[in-house]
Protein backbone atom coordinates (compact mmCIF):
# COMPACT_ATOMS: atom_id res chain seq x y z
CA MET A 1 40.97 84.35 87.09
CA GLU A 2 38.48 83.24 89.78
CA LYS A 3 38.81 85.34 92.91
CA ILE A 4 40.71 83.54 95.67
CA LEU A 5 39.57 84.64 99.12
CA HIS A 6 41.94 85.14 102.04
CA GLY A 7 40.20 82.50 104.11
CA THR A 8 38.34 79.32 103.09
CA ILE A 9 37.01 76.54 105.32
CA LEU A 10 36.92 73.14 103.63
CA THR A 11 34.38 70.75 105.13
CA GLY A 12 31.89 68.02 104.24
CA ALA A 13 34.26 65.07 103.88
CA PRO A 14 36.79 63.00 105.91
CA ARG A 15 40.11 64.68 106.71
CA ASP A 16 42.19 63.07 103.95
CA ALA A 17 39.74 64.21 101.27
CA LEU A 18 39.72 67.74 102.69
CA VAL A 19 43.51 67.96 102.65
CA GLU A 20 43.66 66.64 99.09
CA GLU A 21 41.14 69.27 97.96
CA ALA A 22 43.10 71.97 99.82
CA TRP A 23 46.19 71.08 97.78
CA ARG A 24 44.11 71.42 94.61
CA LEU A 25 42.97 74.89 95.69
CA ALA A 26 46.56 75.80 96.59
CA GLN A 27 47.60 74.86 93.06
CA GLN A 28 44.79 77.02 91.71
CA ALA A 29 45.86 79.97 93.88
CA LEU A 30 49.50 79.84 92.73
CA CYS A 31 49.07 78.87 89.06
CA ALA A 32 50.87 81.20 86.66
CA ARG A 33 48.64 80.38 83.67
CA PRO A 34 45.08 79.71 84.92
CA THR A 35 42.36 78.64 82.50
CA PRO A 36 39.57 81.10 81.53
CA THR A 37 37.41 79.55 84.27
CA GLY A 38 40.07 80.09 86.91
CA GLU A 39 41.28 76.49 87.19
CA SER A 40 44.98 75.70 87.41
CA CYS A 41 46.75 74.83 84.17
CA GLY A 42 48.58 71.88 85.73
CA CYS A 43 51.62 72.55 83.56
CA CYS A 44 53.42 75.66 84.81
CA GLY A 45 56.30 75.48 87.27
CA HIS A 46 54.10 76.48 90.20
CA CYS A 47 51.50 73.80 89.40
CA ARG A 48 54.14 71.10 89.08
CA LYS A 49 55.77 72.02 92.39
CA VAL A 50 52.44 72.07 94.21
CA GLU A 51 51.58 68.69 92.70
CA ARG A 52 54.87 67.30 94.07
CA ARG A 53 54.21 69.03 97.44
CA VAL A 54 57.48 70.97 97.24
CA HIS A 55 56.37 74.53 96.51
CA PRO A 56 58.14 76.96 98.89
CA ASP A 57 55.04 79.19 99.04
CA VAL A 58 52.76 76.47 100.45
CA ALA A 59 53.08 75.79 104.17
CA VAL A 60 51.22 73.04 106.05
CA LEU A 61 50.23 73.56 109.68
CA GLU A 62 49.31 70.47 111.69
CA ARG A 63 49.55 69.19 115.22
CA LEU A 64 53.02 68.97 116.73
CA ARG A 65 54.22 65.55 117.88
CA ASP A 66 55.53 64.49 121.25
CA LYS A 67 58.81 62.67 121.94
CA GLU A 68 57.17 59.35 121.07
CA GLY A 69 56.00 60.68 117.71
CA LYS A 70 52.34 60.85 118.69
CA PRO A 71 50.38 63.95 117.59
CA ARG A 72 49.36 66.30 120.38
CA ARG A 73 45.67 66.84 121.06
CA GLU A 74 45.60 70.47 119.90
CA ILE A 75 47.21 73.02 117.63
CA VAL A 76 48.69 75.55 120.04
CA VAL A 77 49.00 79.32 120.03
CA GLU A 78 52.79 79.22 119.58
CA GLN A 79 52.26 77.66 116.16
CA ILE A 80 49.95 80.51 115.15
CA ARG A 81 52.47 83.06 116.43
CA ALA A 82 55.11 81.50 114.19
CA LEU A 83 52.67 81.48 111.26
CA GLU A 84 51.91 85.16 111.90
CA LYS A 85 55.59 86.08 111.66
CA ASP A 86 56.03 84.08 108.47
CA ALA A 87 52.86 85.44 106.84
CA VAL A 88 54.22 88.98 106.55
CA VAL A 89 57.25 87.80 104.55
CA LEU A 90 56.81 88.15 100.79
CA PRO A 91 56.33 84.96 98.73
CA ASN A 92 59.45 83.19 97.50
CA GLU A 93 58.35 82.48 93.93
CA ALA A 94 54.62 82.90 93.35
CA ALA A 95 52.34 85.90 93.65
CA ARG A 96 50.75 84.41 96.77
CA LYS A 97 51.52 82.29 99.80
CA VAL A 98 49.15 79.53 100.90
CA TYR A 99 48.80 78.18 104.44
CA LEU A 100 47.06 74.83 104.64
CA ILE A 101 45.77 74.20 108.17
CA CYS A 102 44.97 70.53 108.74
CA GLU A 103 42.38 69.70 111.43
CA ALA A 104 41.65 73.39 111.93
CA GLU A 105 38.97 72.56 114.49
CA LEU A 106 41.79 71.40 116.81
CA LEU A 107 43.12 74.94 117.18
CA ASN A 108 42.80 75.57 120.90
CA ALA A 109 41.04 78.66 122.24
CA ALA A 110 44.20 80.80 122.43
CA ALA A 111 45.29 79.70 118.96
CA GLN A 112 41.87 80.53 117.49
CA ASN A 113 41.88 83.99 119.03
CA ALA A 114 45.38 84.66 117.69
CA PHE A 115 44.41 83.37 114.27
CA LEU A 116 41.30 85.56 114.26
CA LYS A 117 43.44 88.68 114.59
CA LEU A 118 45.53 87.55 111.62
CA LEU A 119 42.42 86.72 109.61
CA GLU A 120 40.93 90.17 110.27
CA GLU A 121 43.90 91.97 108.67
CA PRO A 122 45.80 89.44 106.55
CA PRO A 123 48.64 90.40 104.21
CA GLU A 124 47.12 90.88 100.75
CA PHE A 125 49.16 88.03 99.23
CA VAL A 126 48.20 85.35 101.80
CA VAL A 127 45.57 82.60 101.45
CA PHE A 128 44.42 80.43 104.37
CA LEU A 129 42.83 77.03 103.69
CA LEU A 130 41.29 75.51 106.84
CA CYS A 131 40.42 71.81 106.69
CA ALA A 132 37.71 71.12 109.27
CA GLU A 133 35.62 67.98 109.54
CA ASN A 134 33.86 69.74 112.42
CA PRO A 135 33.64 73.45 111.54
CA GLY A 136 31.31 74.02 114.47
CA MET A 137 34.38 73.81 116.70
CA LEU A 138 35.72 77.02 115.15
CA LEU A 139 34.81 80.42 116.56
CA PRO A 140 31.76 81.97 114.86
CA THR A 141 33.92 85.03 114.15
CA ILE A 142 36.39 82.86 112.24
CA ARG A 143 33.63 81.15 110.28
CA SER A 144 32.04 84.50 109.40
CA ARG A 145 35.30 85.73 107.84
CA CYS A 146 35.82 82.68 105.65
CA ALA A 147 34.15 81.23 102.60
CA VAL A 148 32.89 77.66 103.03
CA HIS A 149 33.96 75.11 100.44
CA ARG A 150 32.05 71.84 100.78
CA VAL A 151 33.84 68.72 99.61
CA ASN A 152 31.85 65.62 98.75
CA ALA A 153 34.27 62.72 98.60
CA ALA A 154 31.59 60.12 97.99
CA GLU A 155 31.43 58.73 94.46
CA GLU A 156 27.76 57.79 94.80
CA PRO A 157 24.95 60.29 95.44
CA GLU A 158 24.03 60.65 99.09
CA ASN A 159 21.08 58.48 100.18
CA PRO A 160 18.27 60.87 101.24
CA GLY A 161 16.88 58.24 103.60
CA GLU A 162 20.19 57.90 105.42
CA ARG A 163 20.54 61.69 105.65
CA ALA A 164 17.04 61.87 107.18
CA LEU A 165 17.94 59.09 109.63
CA ALA A 166 21.13 60.91 110.65
CA GLU A 167 19.18 64.11 111.26
CA GLU A 168 16.55 62.15 113.21
CA TYR A 169 19.25 60.63 115.42
CA LEU A 170 20.71 64.04 116.25
CA ARG A 171 17.26 65.40 117.11
CA ALA A 172 16.60 62.37 119.32
CA LEU A 173 19.68 62.84 121.50
CA GLY A 174 18.44 63.29 125.05
CA ASP A 175 15.09 61.59 124.31
CA GLU A 176 15.49 57.91 125.23
CA ALA A 177 12.29 56.69 123.52
CA ALA A 178 12.97 58.60 120.29
CA LEU A 179 16.57 57.39 120.30
CA LEU A 180 15.45 53.77 120.61
CA ARG A 181 13.01 54.09 117.69
CA CYS A 182 15.70 55.69 115.54
CA CYS A 183 18.31 53.04 116.33
CA ASN A 184 15.90 50.20 115.55
CA SER A 185 15.97 51.38 111.93
CA MET A 186 19.76 51.13 111.82
CA GLU A 187 19.86 47.43 112.73
CA ARG A 188 18.53 46.55 109.29
CA MET A 189 21.65 47.96 107.61
CA THR A 190 24.44 45.76 106.27
CA ALA A 191 27.93 46.26 107.69
CA ALA A 192 28.98 48.30 104.61
CA GLU A 193 25.83 50.44 104.77
CA PHE A 194 26.35 51.12 108.47
CA ARG A 195 30.00 52.14 107.97
CA ASP A 196 28.86 54.64 105.35
CA PHE A 197 26.11 55.81 107.68
CA ILE A 198 28.57 56.54 110.49
CA THR A 199 30.60 58.70 108.07
CA LEU A 200 27.43 60.55 107.07
CA LEU A 201 26.40 60.96 110.71
CA ARG A 202 29.78 62.53 111.52
CA LEU A 203 29.37 65.03 108.68
CA THR A 204 25.76 65.81 109.62
CA ALA A 205 26.73 66.34 113.26
CA ALA A 206 29.42 68.80 112.16
CA GLU A 207 26.73 70.84 110.44
CA THR A 208 24.24 70.65 113.33
CA LEU A 209 26.06 70.62 116.66
CA THR A 210 28.70 72.95 118.07
CA GLY A 211 31.25 73.19 120.86
CA LYS A 212 31.76 70.47 123.45
CA GLU A 213 28.57 68.67 122.48
CA LEU A 214 29.93 68.17 118.95
CA LEU A 215 33.36 67.13 120.19
CA SER A 216 31.84 64.56 122.57
CA LEU A 217 29.72 62.92 119.88
CA GLN A 218 32.52 62.96 117.30
CA ARG A 219 34.82 61.13 119.71
CA GLU A 220 32.17 58.45 120.20
CA LEU A 221 31.62 58.14 116.44
CA GLU A 222 35.36 57.83 115.85
CA ARG A 223 35.45 55.04 118.43
CA ILE A 224 32.57 53.24 116.71
CA ALA A 225 34.19 53.68 113.28
CA GLU A 226 37.40 52.12 114.60
CA MET A 227 35.44 49.18 116.05
CA LEU A 228 33.72 48.61 112.71
CA ARG A 229 37.13 48.38 111.05
CA VAL A 230 37.86 45.33 113.19
CA ASN A 231 34.51 43.73 112.30
CA VAL A 232 32.45 44.53 115.37
CA SER A 233 28.83 43.64 114.56
CA VAL A 234 26.34 46.25 113.39
CA ARG A 235 24.04 45.28 116.26
CA HIS A 236 26.73 46.02 118.84
CA ALA A 237 27.67 49.32 117.20
CA VAL A 238 24.02 50.39 117.06
CA GLY A 239 23.76 49.58 120.75
CA LEU A 240 26.58 52.06 121.43
CA LEU A 241 24.74 54.74 119.47
CA CYS A 242 21.55 53.99 121.34
CA THR A 243 23.18 54.30 124.75
CA TYR A 244 25.30 57.37 123.93
CA ARG A 245 24.66 60.33 126.23
CA TYR A 246 26.31 63.72 126.18
CA GLU A 247 27.43 64.74 129.64
CA PRO A 248 28.78 68.32 129.94
């Protein structure tokens, strides 16, 4: 069976795709009859329960919600403390327990430090799957203790020209003339092409930027993506990219 590491960061795709892939890896980790290549059989009791999202040895950690049902901005340290207590309890049915952490980059500073201690000396039967669109928001010490599993949700091969343009845009931040030249190229895109480009830019930023600078840009890109969903013109959206400035 393929070795399952204690900690894996899933990145490289939008959140929903990362979570879906995490469930696939959870099934692989708990499968009772894996294939010779280490893939899950899909037929055993563990596989079927994971597929139905009812396996007692898979726990999902996500943001708590307020009284109005809205998710809080961060995953807090109290949630990690509770996870820590649960992690030392033996699995219910399988040989392992899997913790799927959605939006892992939203762990606040205290939560990340608490999780780091758990990651340094995890129970031998525990697997952590961290879904992070923006892994640069995680502590370097957390990233260094985890494998990185890139997920490419796109059905079509990535356009090298668009990747180069995304990298050019990130290099141009802070240089008004370079930013203007870069954005002029974007205005030639169709609405569909530009929506795909914004997704690619978010993923490229997650690989390039870190900390507050990354968070600031990602918030702006999320705002632009939402505007595109209500048919804001490409020209207007490009204008927002052109005028974006990171202010510490």
